[in-house]
């Protein structure tokens, strides 16, 4: 793209004449994708200077060719370049601070970079990068940006626990453990007692 813009800028300055000053406005070249046989309008706004006239140019990106389309003055009087179809390329003043180029029945051969040069009464010229026109070309699709999903709070569907029984299980468990230990101790003591008795006593107890 820069290889096209540099020679185009130099040729534009030469074609417009030797003014007292030139201003190159720093703008990016926008891209338009009009349909074939549609109508496209390109605007050229006056910034930083009081515009008296505007000159329109087209640069063919394939053949590196610069074409003068025409000019229109502050009185809204257009003058077309040689070989330019006046019915398809309409030059007019849109407002007090803006000029427009309307392309009717856009053709595939209309592709190129359209630029304008604004000029005031002091012959100060402002060159604007313009618009890249690509008729019949399908515009590229932009990758959609995905935003992270917010965290979802889990919903508990369990039955609510009765707070009145909190801590009761431990209170019931320990007495049961103590009772079981006491019964086991009593059984052990009983068995130990009988094991210490003399054999005669045991025979007597059996009777």
Protein backbone atom coordinates (compact mmCIF):
# COMPACT_ATOMS: atom_id res chain seq x y z
CA UNK A 1 0.00 0.00 0.00
CA UNK A 2 2.80 2.45 0.82
CA UNK A 3 4.35 1.82 -2.61
CA UNK A 4 1.16 3.16 -4.18
CA UNK A 5 0.65 6.13 -1.92
CA UNK A 6 4.11 7.67 -2.25
CA UNK A 7 4.21 8.14 -6.06
CA UNK A 8 0.51 9.00 -6.02
CA UNK A 9 1.15 11.79 -3.53
CA UNK A 10 3.99 13.21 -5.64
CA UNK A 11 1.96 13.09 -8.85
CA UNK A 12 -1.01 14.67 -7.12
CA UNK A 13 1.06 17.62 -5.94
CA UNK A 14 2.47 18.14 -9.43
CA UNK A 15 -0.93 17.99 -11.10
CA UNK A 16 -2.51 20.43 -8.70
CA UNK A 17 0.03 23.09 -9.45
CA UNK A 18 2.73 24.82 -7.47
CA UNK A 19 0.86 26.19 -4.47
CA UNK A 20 2.38 28.19 -1.65
CA UNK A 21 2.07 25.22 0.70
CA UNK A 22 1.06 21.60 0.85
CA UNK A 23 -0.43 19.73 3.80
CA UNK A 24 -0.52 15.95 3.95
CA UNK A 25 -3.27 14.86 6.31
CA UNK A 26 -2.36 11.74 8.26
CA UNK A 27 -5.29 9.38 7.77
CA UNK A 28 -5.58 5.67 7.17
CA UNK A 29 -6.95 4.49 3.84
CA UNK A 30 -10.42 3.05 4.41
CA UNK A 31 -11.73 0.20 2.28
CA UNK A 32 -15.21 0.03 0.73
CA UNK A 33 -16.79 -3.05 -0.88
CA UNK A 34 -19.68 -1.79 -3.06
CA UNK A 35 -21.80 -4.17 -5.09
CA UNK A 36 -21.65 -4.12 -8.86
CA UNK A 37 -24.15 -1.63 -10.41
CA UNK A 38 -24.68 0.02 -7.01
CA UNK A 39 -24.10 3.68 -6.14
CA UNK A 40 -21.23 4.74 -3.88
CA UNK A 41 -20.53 8.18 -2.39
CA UNK A 42 -17.07 9.31 -1.23
CA UNK A 43 -16.84 12.45 0.90
CA UNK A 44 -13.98 14.90 1.26
CA UNK A 45 -14.23 17.15 4.33
CA UNK A 46 -12.46 20.47 4.80
CA UNK A 47 -10.24 20.39 7.88
CA UNK A 48 -7.86 23.12 9.08
CA UNK A 49 -8.35 25.23 5.92
CA UNK A 50 -11.18 27.18 4.31
CA UNK A 51 -11.83 25.22 1.12
CA UNK A 52 -12.30 27.02 -2.18
CA UNK A 53 -12.17 23.99 -4.47
CA UNK A 54 -11.45 20.25 -4.48
CA UNK A 55 -9.64 18.04 -6.99
CA UNK A 56 -10.50 14.34 -7.32
CA UNK A 57 -8.05 11.61 -8.41
CA UNK A 58 -8.13 7.85 -8.86
CA UNK A 59 -5.12 5.56 -8.65
CA UNK A 60 -5.34 2.20 -10.38
CA UNK A 61 -3.67 -0.31 -8.06
CA UNK A 62 -2.97 -2.78 -10.89
CA UNK A 63 -1.32 -0.49 -13.46
CA UNK A 64 0.04 2.22 -11.12
CA UNK A 65 -1.93 4.77 -13.13
CA UNK A 66 -3.14 8.12 -11.80
CA UNK A 67 -6.29 9.57 -13.33
CA UNK A 68 -7.64 13.08 -12.83
CA UNK A 69 -11.41 12.75 -12.38
CA UNK A 70 -12.25 16.43 -12.10
CA UNK A 71 -12.70 19.36 -9.76
CA UNK A 72 -15.55 21.33 -8.23
CA UNK A 73 -15.34 24.84 -6.79
CA UNK A 74 -17.09 26.56 -3.91
CA UNK A 75 -19.88 27.66 -6.27
CA UNK A 76 -20.69 23.97 -6.94
CA UNK A 77 -19.49 24.09 -10.55
CA UNK A 78 -17.87 20.78 -11.57
CA UNK A 79 -15.26 20.29 -14.29
CA UNK A 80 -14.49 16.71 -15.34
CA UNK A 81 -11.19 15.33 -16.60
CA UNK A 82 -10.59 13.93 -20.05
CA UNK A 83 -12.35 10.64 -20.72
CA UNK A 84 -14.35 10.71 -17.45
CA UNK A 85 -18.02 9.74 -17.74
CA UNK A 86 -19.91 12.71 -16.30
CA UNK A 87 -23.12 10.67 -15.90
CA UNK A 88 -21.38 8.09 -13.69
CA UNK A 89 -18.89 10.29 -11.82
CA UNK A 90 -20.80 13.18 -10.28
CA UNK A 91 -18.89 15.92 -8.48
CA UNK A 92 -20.77 18.28 -6.19
CA UNK A 93 -20.53 20.38 -3.06
CA UNK A 94 -22.25 18.63 -0.17
CA UNK A 95 -22.07 21.43 2.39
CA UNK A 96 -19.99 24.46 3.30
CA UNK A 97 -17.25 22.17 4.67
CA UNK A 98 -17.64 19.03 2.54
CA UNK A 99 -17.43 17.90 -1.10
CA UNK A 100 -18.59 14.57 -2.54
CA UNK A 101 -17.88 12.21 -5.41
CA UNK A 102 -20.79 9.99 -6.41
CA UNK A 103 -20.12 6.90 -8.52
CA UNK A 104 -23.26 5.60 -10.27
CA UNK A 105 -23.52 2.01 -11.55
CA UNK A 106 -20.24 0.90 -10.01
CA UNK A 107 -18.19 -1.34 -12.32
CA UNK A 108 -15.39 -3.75 -11.56
CA UNK A 109 -12.94 -1.52 -13.45
CA UNK A 110 -13.74 1.33 -11.03
CA UNK A 111 -11.49 -0.32 -8.46
CA UNK A 112 -8.70 1.83 -7.09
CA UNK A 113 -7.82 4.44 -4.50
CA UNK A 114 -9.91 7.61 -4.66
CA UNK A 115 -8.34 10.69 -3.16
CA UNK A 116 -9.05 14.39 -2.98
CA UNK A 117 -6.91 17.52 -2.78
CA UNK A 118 -8.47 20.52 -1.06
CA UNK A 119 -7.37 24.01 -2.00
CA UNK A 120 -8.06 27.42 -0.44
CA UNK A 121 -7.78 30.96 -1.90
CA UNK A 122 -4.16 31.23 -0.74
CA UNK A 123 -3.32 28.18 -2.86
CA UNK A 124 -2.69 26.09 0.23
CA UNK A 125 -3.29 22.46 -0.70
CA UNK A 126 -4.32 19.63 1.63
CA UNK A 127 -3.91 16.09 0.33
CA UNK A 128 -6.09 13.36 1.87
CA UNK A 129 -5.30 9.63 1.44
CA UNK A 130 -8.86 8.75 0.47
CA UNK A 131 -10.76 5.49 -0.03
CA UNK A 132 -9.80 2.13 -1.50
CA UNK A 133 -12.73 0.94 -3.62
CA UNK A 134 -13.06 -2.82 -4.27
CA UNK A 135 -16.27 -3.39 -6.28
CA UNK A 136 -17.77 -6.88 -6.23
CA UNK A 137 -15.32 -8.15 -3.61
CA UNK A 138 -16.74 -9.92 -0.58
CA UNK A 139 -15.55 -8.11 2.57
CA UNK A 140 -13.58 -10.23 5.04
CA UNK A 141 -15.44 -11.47 8.06
CA UNK A 142 -14.11 -10.37 11.41
CA UNK A 143 -13.58 -12.98 14.08
CA UNK A 144 -16.15 -12.38 16.81
CA UNK A 145 -14.72 -11.63 20.20
CA UNK A 146 -15.92 -14.02 22.88
CA UNK A 147 -16.36 -12.68 26.37
CA UNK A 148 -15.73 -14.99 29.33
CA UNK A 149 -18.91 -16.31 30.88
CA UNK A 150 -19.61 -15.26 34.46
CA UNK A 151 -19.28 -18.03 37.05
CA UNK A 152 -22.53 -19.83 37.82
CA UNK A 153 -23.33 -20.28 41.48
CA UNK A 154 -24.41 -23.85 42.22
CA UNK A 155 -27.88 -24.19 43.67
CA UNK A 156 -28.29 -26.76 46.43
CA UNK A 157 -31.60 -28.61 46.17
CA UNK A 158 -31.03 -30.70 49.31
CA UNK A 159 -33.47 -30.58 52.19
CA UNK A 160 -32.56 -28.08 54.84
CA UNK A 161 -30.94 -29.50 57.93
CA UNK A 162 -32.77 -28.89 61.17
CA UNK A 163 -30.45 -26.75 63.24
CA UNK A 164 -32.09 -27.94 66.48
CA UNK A 165 -30.35 -31.36 66.11
CA UNK A 166 -26.88 -29.97 65.37
CA UNK A 167 -24.38 -31.53 67.80
CA UNK A 168 -26.88 -34.07 69.24
CA UNK A 169 -25.28 -37.05 67.50
CA UNK A 170 -22.06 -36.69 69.51
CA UNK A 171 -24.03 -36.35 72.76
CA UNK A 172 -25.86 -39.65 72.12
CA UNK A 173 -22.81 -41.51 70.83
CA UNK A 174 -20.53 -41.05 73.84
CA UNK A 175 -22.96 -42.47 76.46
CA UNK A 176 -23.50 -45.53 74.24
CA UNK A 177 -19.76 -46.04 74.01
CA UNK A 178 -19.45 -45.72 77.81
CA UNK A 179 -22.30 -48.21 78.40
CA UNK A 180 -20.76 -50.74 76.03
CA UNK A 181 -17.37 -50.39 77.75
CA UNK A 182 -18.98 -50.87 81.19
CA UNK A 183 -20.79 -54.05 80.09
CA UNK A 184 -17.58 -55.45 78.60
CA UNK A 185 -15.68 -54.68 81.81
CA UNK A 186 -18.39 -56.36 83.97
CA UNK A 187 -18.26 -59.47 81.75
CA UNK A 188 -14.48 -59.64 81.98
CA UNK A 189 -14.58 -59.25 85.78
CA UNK A 190 -17.23 -62.03 86.09
CA UNK A 191 -15.20 -64.43 84.00
CA UNK A 192 -12.07 -63.60 85.95
CA UNK A 193 -13.91 -64.16 89.25
CA UNK A 194 -15.10 -67.64 88.23
CA UNK A 195 -11.70 -68.53 86.90
CA UNK A 196 -10.19 -67.89 90.38
CA UNK A 197 -12.61 -70.14 92.27
CA UNK A 198 -11.37 -73.60 93.48
CA UNK A 199 -12.58 -76.61 91.57
CA UNK A 200 -14.67 -77.80 94.55
CA UNK A 201 -16.54 -74.55 94.61
CA UNK A 202 -17.23 -74.86 90.96
CA UNK A 203 -18.60 -78.39 91.45
CA UNK A 204 -20.71 -77.15 94.25
CA UNK A 205 -22.04 -74.29 92.16
CA UNK A 206 -22.91 -76.64 89.33
CA UNK A 207 -25.08 -78.68 91.73
